[in-house]
């Protein structure tokens, strides 16, 4: 069987930000880390302003700064993200801002739930998986 040599990555963010710049920066940071660790592949990240309808392996989530912290849409997005992470333990969900992390932590505290293991607060938590398991994960 032919191995797939990429991860399907999506950046879900609010419509008010500098989203293309954020996506390009995120891609650059990750690809630099992959290059340093001699991984022969690069990632590409699809940008979306709503919860992705397409399949993905890694979802990066950044929904704005303090101006949207109490926004119903933002809270609903956090709820959807947590539910999706719980229902899909083989996918990764990486929070890409401190405000988003604080909102998720508040949501977890409010609901009394534990943080899903596949929900990562720091990009660096994703690197060991990308680097050490890149060639083991994809058999199809």
C-alpha atoms as a PDB file:
ATOM      1  CA  UNK A   1       0.000   0.000   0.000  1.00  0.00           C
ATOM      2  CA  UNK A   2       1.087   3.534  -0.719  1.00  0.00           C
ATOM      3  CA  UNK A   3       1.928   5.635   2.342  1.00  0.00           C
ATOM      4  CA  UNK A   4       0.440   9.081   2.717  1.00  0.00           C
ATOM      5  CA  UNK A   5       3.282  11.502   3.395  1.00  0.00           C
ATOM      6  CA  UNK A   6       1.444  14.445   4.877  1.00  0.00           C
ATOM      7  CA  UNK A   7      -0.932  15.421   7.612  1.00  0.00           C
ATOM      8  CA  UNK A   8      -4.201  17.166   6.831  1.00  0.00           C
ATOM      9  CA  UNK A   9      -3.921  20.359   8.883  1.00  0.00           C
ATOM     10  CA  UNK A  10      -6.501  23.097   9.384  1.00  0.00           C
ATOM     11  CA  UNK A  11      -6.268  26.458  11.134  1.00  0.00           C
ATOM     12  CA  UNK A  12      -9.674  27.540  12.433  1.00  0.00           C
ATOM     13  CA  UNK A  13      -9.690  31.169  13.460  1.00  0.00           C
ATOM     14  CA  UNK A  14     -11.923  34.195  13.815  1.00  0.00           C
ATOM     15  CA  UNK A  15     -12.698  36.404  10.833  1.00  0.00           C
ATOM     16  CA  UNK A  16     -11.220  39.552  12.438  1.00  0.00           C
ATOM     17  CA  UNK A  17      -7.573  38.447  12.601  1.00  0.00           C
ATOM     18  CA  UNK A  18      -4.606  38.501  10.242  1.00  0.00           C
ATOM     19  CA  UNK A  19      -5.333  34.900   9.369  1.00  0.00           C
ATOM     20  CA  UNK A  20      -3.232  34.306   6.261  1.00  0.00           C
ATOM     21  CA  UNK A  21      -0.182  35.745   8.006  1.00  0.00           C
ATOM     22  CA  UNK A  22      -0.922  33.566  11.056  1.00  0.00           C
ATOM     23  CA  UNK A  23      -1.248  30.446   8.886  1.00  0.00           C
ATOM     24  CA  UNK A  24       1.972  31.193   7.002  1.00  0.00           C
ATOM     25  CA  UNK A  25       3.817  31.803  10.270  1.00  0.00           C
ATOM     26  CA  UNK A  26       2.514  28.563  11.788  1.00  0.00           C
ATOM     27  CA  UNK A  27       3.483  26.564   8.689  1.00  0.00           C
ATOM     28  CA  UNK A  28       6.959  28.109   8.740  1.00  0.00           C
ATOM     29  CA  UNK A  29       7.524  27.330  12.432  1.00  0.00           C
ATOM     30  CA  UNK A  30       6.476  23.702  12.046  1.00  0.00           C
ATOM     31  CA  UNK A  31       8.324  23.127   8.775  1.00  0.00           C
ATOM     32  CA  UNK A  32      11.514  24.596  10.268  1.00  0.00           C
ATOM     33  CA  UNK A  33      11.230  22.107  13.150  1.00  0.00           C
ATOM     34  CA  UNK A  34      10.673  19.235  10.712  1.00  0.00           C
ATOM     35  CA  UNK A  35      13.722  20.331   8.690  1.00  0.00           C
ATOM     36  CA  UNK A  36      15.931  20.513  11.809  1.00  0.00           C
ATOM     37  CA  UNK A  37      14.875  16.953  12.647  1.00  0.00           C
ATOM     38  CA  UNK A  38      15.564  15.773   9.088  1.00  0.00           C
ATOM     39  CA  UNK A  39      11.947  14.928   8.282  1.00  0.00           C
ATOM     40  CA  UNK A  40      11.648  15.020   4.511  1.00  0.00           C
ATOM     41  CA  UNK A  41       8.116  16.335   4.416  1.00  0.00           C
ATOM     42  CA  UNK A  42       6.431  19.673   4.944  1.00  0.00           C
ATOM     43  CA  UNK A  43       2.982  20.520   6.163  1.00  0.00           C
ATOM     44  CA  UNK A  44       0.440  22.755   4.490  1.00  0.00           C
ATOM     45  CA  UNK A  45      -2.372  24.268   6.531  1.00  0.00           C
ATOM     46  CA  UNK A  46      -5.838  25.012   5.203  1.00  0.00           C
ATOM     47  CA  UNK A  47      -7.386  28.177   6.629  1.00  0.00           C
ATOM     48  CA  UNK A  48     -11.051  28.216   7.698  1.00  0.00           C
ATOM     49  CA  UNK A  49     -13.254  30.685   9.554  1.00  0.00           C
ATOM     50  CA  UNK A  50     -15.683  28.029  10.803  1.00  0.00           C
ATOM     51  CA  UNK A  51     -15.358  24.565  12.257  1.00  0.00           C
ATOM     52  CA  UNK A  52     -13.915  22.484   9.401  1.00  0.00           C
ATOM     53  CA  UNK A  53     -16.337  20.279   7.528  1.00  0.00           C
ATOM     54  CA  UNK A  54     -13.566  18.407   5.743  1.00  0.00           C
ATOM     55  CA  UNK A  55     -11.500  15.677   7.333  1.00  0.00           C
ATOM     56  CA  UNK A  56      -8.336  16.656   9.184  1.00  0.00           C
ATOM     57  CA  UNK A  57      -5.597  15.123  11.311  1.00  0.00           C
ATOM     58  CA  UNK A  58      -4.537  18.267  13.171  1.00  0.00           C
ATOM     59  CA  UNK A  59      -6.720  21.265  13.973  1.00  0.00           C
ATOM     60  CA  UNK A  60      -5.076  24.475  15.119  1.00  0.00           C
ATOM     61  CA  UNK A  61      -7.580  26.712  16.921  1.00  0.00           C
ATOM     62  CA  UNK A  62      -7.193  30.438  17.505  1.00  0.00           C
ATOM     63  CA  UNK A  63     -10.314  32.448  17.969  1.00  0.00           C
ATOM     64  CA  UNK A  64      -9.165  35.946  18.627  1.00  0.00           C
ATOM     65  CA  UNK A  65      -8.080  38.038  21.506  1.00  0.00           C
ATOM     66  CA  UNK A  66      -9.740  39.624  24.481  1.00  0.00           C
ATOM     67  CA  UNK A  67     -12.240  41.498  22.320  1.00  0.00           C
ATOM     68  CA  UNK A  68     -14.128  38.264  21.549  1.00  0.00           C
ATOM     69  CA  UNK A  69     -13.576  36.444  24.851  1.00  0.00           C
ATOM     70  CA  UNK A  70     -17.216  36.783  25.980  1.00  0.00           C
ATOM     71  CA  UNK A  71     -18.634  36.318  22.515  1.00  0.00           C
ATOM     72  CA  UNK A  72     -21.261  33.557  22.254  1.00  0.00           C
ATOM     73  CA  UNK A  73     -19.758  32.377  18.968  1.00  0.00           C
ATOM     74  CA  UNK A  74     -16.375  31.978  20.644  1.00  0.00           C
ATOM     75  CA  UNK A  75     -17.829  30.026  23.598  1.00  0.00           C
ATOM     76  CA  UNK A  76     -19.792  27.803  21.219  1.00  0.00           C
ATOM     77  CA  UNK A  77     -16.607  27.212  19.242  1.00  0.00           C
ATOM     78  CA  UNK A  78     -14.800  26.137  22.415  1.00  0.00           C
ATOM     79  CA  UNK A  79     -17.636  23.744  23.270  1.00  0.00           C
ATOM     80  CA  UNK A  80     -17.593  22.285  19.750  1.00  0.00           C
ATOM     81  CA  UNK A  81     -13.835  21.886  19.839  1.00  0.00           C
ATOM     82  CA  UNK A  82     -13.901  20.067  23.187  1.00  0.00           C
ATOM     83  CA  UNK A  83     -16.711  17.757  22.085  1.00  0.00           C
ATOM     84  CA  UNK A  84     -14.946  16.965  18.815  1.00  0.00           C
ATOM     85  CA  UNK A  85     -11.666  16.276  20.632  1.00  0.00           C
ATOM     86  CA  UNK A  86     -13.444  13.891  23.011  1.00  0.00           C
ATOM     87  CA  UNK A  87     -15.189  12.114  20.127  1.00  0.00           C
ATOM     88  CA  UNK A  88     -12.059  11.837  17.930  1.00  0.00           C
ATOM     89  CA  UNK A  89      -9.093  10.767  20.092  1.00  0.00           C
ATOM     90  CA  UNK A  90      -6.888   9.966  17.069  1.00  0.00           C
ATOM     91  CA  UNK A  91      -6.877  13.611  15.932  1.00  0.00           C
ATOM     92  CA  UNK A  92      -4.878  16.445  17.470  1.00  0.00           C
ATOM     93  CA  UNK A  93      -6.248  19.833  18.519  1.00  0.00           C
ATOM     94  CA  UNK A  94      -3.649  22.530  19.151  1.00  0.00           C
ATOM     95  CA  UNK A  95      -4.582  25.846  20.758  1.00  0.00           C
ATOM     96  CA  UNK A  96      -2.759  28.721  19.118  1.00  0.00           C
ATOM     97  CA  UNK A  97      -3.311  31.582  21.571  1.00  0.00           C
ATOM     98  CA  UNK A  98      -3.268  32.190  25.300  1.00  0.00           C
ATOM     99  CA  UNK A  99      -6.772  33.669  25.270  1.00  0.00           C
ATOM    100  CA  UNK A 100      -8.106  30.567  23.512  1.00  0.00           C
ATOM    101  CA  UNK A 101      -6.343  28.390  26.079  1.00  0.00           C
ATOM    102  CA  UNK A 102      -7.823  30.377  28.968  1.00  0.00           C
ATOM    103  CA  UNK A 103     -11.298  30.026  27.481  1.00  0.00           C
ATOM    104  CA  UNK A 104     -10.877  26.254  27.062  1.00  0.00           C
ATOM    105  CA  UNK A 105      -9.546  25.925  30.619  1.00  0.00           C
ATOM    106  CA  UNK A 106     -12.545  27.907  31.916  1.00  0.00           C
ATOM    107  CA  UNK A 107     -14.904  25.700  29.897  1.00  0.00           C
ATOM    108  CA  UNK A 108     -13.306  22.541  31.313  1.00  0.00           C
ATOM    109  CA  UNK A 109     -13.536  23.896  34.857  1.00  0.00           C
ATOM    110  CA  UNK A 110     -17.136  24.971  34.344  1.00  0.00           C
ATOM    111  CA  UNK A 111     -18.154  21.549  32.975  1.00  0.00           C
ATOM    112  CA  UNK A 112     -16.042  19.576  35.460  1.00  0.00           C
ATOM    113  CA  UNK A 113     -14.385  17.654  32.628  1.00  0.00           C
ATOM    114  CA  UNK A 114     -10.735  16.723  32.214  1.00  0.00           C
ATOM    115  CA  UNK A 115      -8.711  18.013  29.298  1.00  0.00           C
ATOM    116  CA  UNK A 116      -8.718  15.425  26.496  1.00  0.00           C
ATOM    117  CA  UNK A 117      -5.247  13.958  25.948  1.00  0.00           C
ATOM    118  CA  UNK A 118      -5.325  14.980  22.284  1.00  0.00           C
ATOM    119  CA  UNK A 119      -5.929  18.647  23.144  1.00  0.00           C
ATOM    120  CA  UNK A 120      -2.580  20.419  23.251  1.00  0.00           C
ATOM    121  CA  UNK A 121      -1.941  23.821  24.798  1.00  0.00           C
ATOM    122  CA  UNK A 122       1.476  24.312  23.198  1.00  0.00           C
ATOM    123  CA  UNK A 123       2.690  23.680  19.663  1.00  0.00           C
ATOM    124  CA  UNK A 124       5.825  22.076  21.110  1.00  0.00           C
ATOM    125  CA  UNK A 125       3.658  19.253  22.512  1.00  0.00           C
ATOM    126  CA  UNK A 126       2.906  18.229  18.916  1.00  0.00           C
ATOM    127  CA  UNK A 127       6.523  17.966  17.705  1.00  0.00           C
ATOM    128  CA  UNK A 128       7.402  14.576  19.217  1.00  0.00           C
ATOM    129  CA  UNK A 129       4.410  13.067  17.517  1.00  0.00           C
ATOM    130  CA  UNK A 130       5.195  14.645  14.154  1.00  0.00           C
ATOM    131  CA  UNK A 131       8.875  13.798  14.308  1.00  0.00           C
ATOM    132  CA  UNK A 132       8.942  10.311  15.833  1.00  0.00           C
ATOM    133  CA  UNK A 133       5.765   8.831  14.426  1.00  0.00           C
ATOM    134  CA  UNK A 134       5.555  10.465  11.007  1.00  0.00           C
ATOM    135  CA  UNK A 135       6.367   7.286   9.090  1.00  0.00           C
ATOM    136  CA  UNK A 136       4.550   4.920  11.468  1.00  0.00           C
ATOM    137  CA  UNK A 137       1.096   6.496  11.320  1.00  0.00           C
ATOM    138  CA  UNK A 138       0.275   6.322   7.631  1.00  0.00           C
ATOM    139  CA  UNK A 139      -0.200   2.856   6.163  1.00  0.00           C
ATOM    140  CA  UNK A 140      -2.907   3.712   3.627  1.00  0.00           C
END
